[in-house]
């Protein structure tokens, strides 16, 4: 997947992955994709809820390893 930016939030506990995601998404353009890498299991539900409430789209997740990966498309 073509990503505009990758955020490494591994090793960070809740709520830091969300805090850093909110900051990082401001650095990309509408329609671009932010890849978030996290190890906190809470990030799954947190990012899903945040994208819905903030107008962004969680387009894919990968939970196949210790590092969880999320791809978020920036909304308007």
C-alpha atoms as a PDB file:
ATOM      1  CA  UNK A   1       0.000   0.000   0.000  1.00  0.00           C
ATOM      2  CA  UNK A   2       1.250   3.458  -0.867  1.00  0.00           C
ATOM      3  CA  UNK A   3       1.582   5.466   2.342  1.00  0.00           C
ATOM      4  CA  UNK A   4       2.377   9.149   2.705  1.00  0.00           C
ATOM      5  CA  UNK A   5       3.806   8.712   6.198  1.00  0.00           C
ATOM      6  CA  UNK A   6       4.579   5.949   8.695  1.00  0.00           C
ATOM      7  CA  UNK A   7       4.148   6.488  12.427  1.00  0.00           C
ATOM      8  CA  UNK A   8       6.101   4.216  14.776  1.00  0.00           C
ATOM      9  CA  UNK A   9       4.070   4.001  17.989  1.00  0.00           C
ATOM     10  CA  UNK A  10       5.554   0.683  19.085  1.00  0.00           C
ATOM     11  CA  UNK A  11       6.222   0.353  22.783  1.00  0.00           C
ATOM     12  CA  UNK A  12       3.811   3.166  23.630  1.00  0.00           C
ATOM     13  CA  UNK A  13       0.883   2.554  25.968  1.00  0.00           C
ATOM     14  CA  UNK A  14      -2.589   4.017  25.665  1.00  0.00           C
ATOM     15  CA  UNK A  15      -3.346   6.846  24.994  1.00  0.00           C
ATOM     16  CA  UNK A  16      -0.049   7.725  23.286  1.00  0.00           C
ATOM     17  CA  UNK A  17      -0.659   5.850  19.991  1.00  0.00           C
ATOM     18  CA  UNK A  18      -3.832   7.914  19.472  1.00  0.00           C
ATOM     19  CA  UNK A  19      -2.169  11.160  20.572  1.00  0.00           C
ATOM     20  CA  UNK A  20       0.681  10.614  18.112  1.00  0.00           C
ATOM     21  CA  UNK A  21      -1.719   9.520  15.342  1.00  0.00           C
ATOM     22  CA  UNK A  22      -3.764  12.720  15.730  1.00  0.00           C
ATOM     23  CA  UNK A  23      -0.568  14.757  15.390  1.00  0.00           C
ATOM     24  CA  UNK A  24       0.835  12.744  12.453  1.00  0.00           C
ATOM     25  CA  UNK A  25      -2.349  12.861  10.379  1.00  0.00           C
ATOM     26  CA  UNK A  26      -2.134  16.648  10.344  1.00  0.00           C
ATOM     27  CA  UNK A  27       1.101  16.308   8.342  1.00  0.00           C
ATOM     28  CA  UNK A  28      -0.490  14.550   5.367  1.00  0.00           C
ATOM     29  CA  UNK A  29      -2.975  15.686   2.722  1.00  0.00           C
ATOM     30  CA  UNK A  30      -6.650  14.694   2.437  1.00  0.00           C
ATOM     31  CA  UNK A  31      -6.884  11.308   0.689  1.00  0.00           C
ATOM     32  CA  UNK A  32      -3.357  10.247   1.621  1.00  0.00           C
ATOM     33  CA  UNK A  33      -2.703   7.244   3.844  1.00  0.00           C
ATOM     34  CA  UNK A  34      -0.981   7.151   7.230  1.00  0.00           C
ATOM     35  CA  UNK A  35       0.477   3.830   8.383  1.00  0.00           C
ATOM     36  CA  UNK A  36       0.471   3.419  12.161  1.00  0.00           C
ATOM     37  CA  UNK A  37       2.550   0.703  13.820  1.00  0.00           C
ATOM     38  CA  UNK A  38       1.713  -0.110  17.444  1.00  0.00           C
ATOM     39  CA  UNK A  39       2.196  -2.864  19.993  1.00  0.00           C
ATOM     40  CA  UNK A  40      -0.548  -1.777  22.412  1.00  0.00           C
ATOM     41  CA  UNK A  41      -3.570  -4.084  21.927  1.00  0.00           C
ATOM     42  CA  UNK A  42      -5.848  -1.218  22.948  1.00  0.00           C
ATOM     43  CA  UNK A  43      -4.845   0.614  19.777  1.00  0.00           C
ATOM     44  CA  UNK A  44      -7.180  -1.637  17.757  1.00  0.00           C
ATOM     45  CA  UNK A  45     -10.374  -0.347  19.344  1.00  0.00           C
ATOM     46  CA  UNK A  46      -8.988   3.140  19.974  1.00  0.00           C
ATOM     47  CA  UNK A  47      -8.018   3.746  16.348  1.00  0.00           C
ATOM     48  CA  UNK A  48     -11.275   2.273  15.017  1.00  0.00           C
ATOM     49  CA  UNK A  49     -13.335   4.567  17.260  1.00  0.00           C
ATOM     50  CA  UNK A  50     -11.146   7.607  16.590  1.00  0.00           C
ATOM     51  CA  UNK A  51     -11.271   7.262  12.799  1.00  0.00           C
ATOM     52  CA  UNK A  52     -15.078   7.017  12.872  1.00  0.00           C
ATOM     53  CA  UNK A  53     -15.471  10.049  15.135  1.00  0.00           C
ATOM     54  CA  UNK A  54     -12.892  12.187  13.313  1.00  0.00           C
ATOM     55  CA  UNK A  55     -13.972  11.629   9.706  1.00  0.00           C
ATOM     56  CA  UNK A  56     -10.991   9.523   8.656  1.00  0.00           C
ATOM     57  CA  UNK A  57     -11.171   5.974   7.292  1.00  0.00           C
ATOM     58  CA  UNK A  58      -9.465   2.903   8.744  1.00  0.00           C
ATOM     59  CA  UNK A  59      -8.892   1.093   5.465  1.00  0.00           C
ATOM     60  CA  UNK A  60      -6.847  -1.895   6.599  1.00  0.00           C
ATOM     61  CA  UNK A  61      -5.362  -3.581   9.648  1.00  0.00           C
ATOM     62  CA  UNK A  62      -2.681  -6.241   9.986  1.00  0.00           C
ATOM     63  CA  UNK A  63      -2.488  -8.201  13.220  1.00  0.00           C
ATOM     64  CA  UNK A  64      -0.271 -11.001  11.920  1.00  0.00           C
ATOM     65  CA  UNK A  65       2.725 -10.130  14.108  1.00  0.00           C
ATOM     66  CA  UNK A  66       3.580  -8.507  17.448  1.00  0.00           C
ATOM     67  CA  UNK A  67       3.510  -5.153  15.697  1.00  0.00           C
ATOM     68  CA  UNK A  68      -0.029  -4.189  14.782  1.00  0.00           C
ATOM     69  CA  UNK A  69      -0.328  -2.144  11.605  1.00  0.00           C
ATOM     70  CA  UNK A  70      -3.146   0.199  10.669  1.00  0.00           C
ATOM     71  CA  UNK A  71      -3.671   2.175   7.488  1.00  0.00           C
ATOM     72  CA  UNK A  72      -5.750   5.313   7.870  1.00  0.00           C
ATOM     73  CA  UNK A  73      -6.967   7.410   4.950  1.00  0.00           C
ATOM     74  CA  UNK A  74      -7.234  11.064   5.860  1.00  0.00           C
ATOM     75  CA  UNK A  75     -10.690  12.547   5.499  1.00  0.00           C
ATOM     76  CA  UNK A  76     -11.629  16.189   5.047  1.00  0.00           C
END
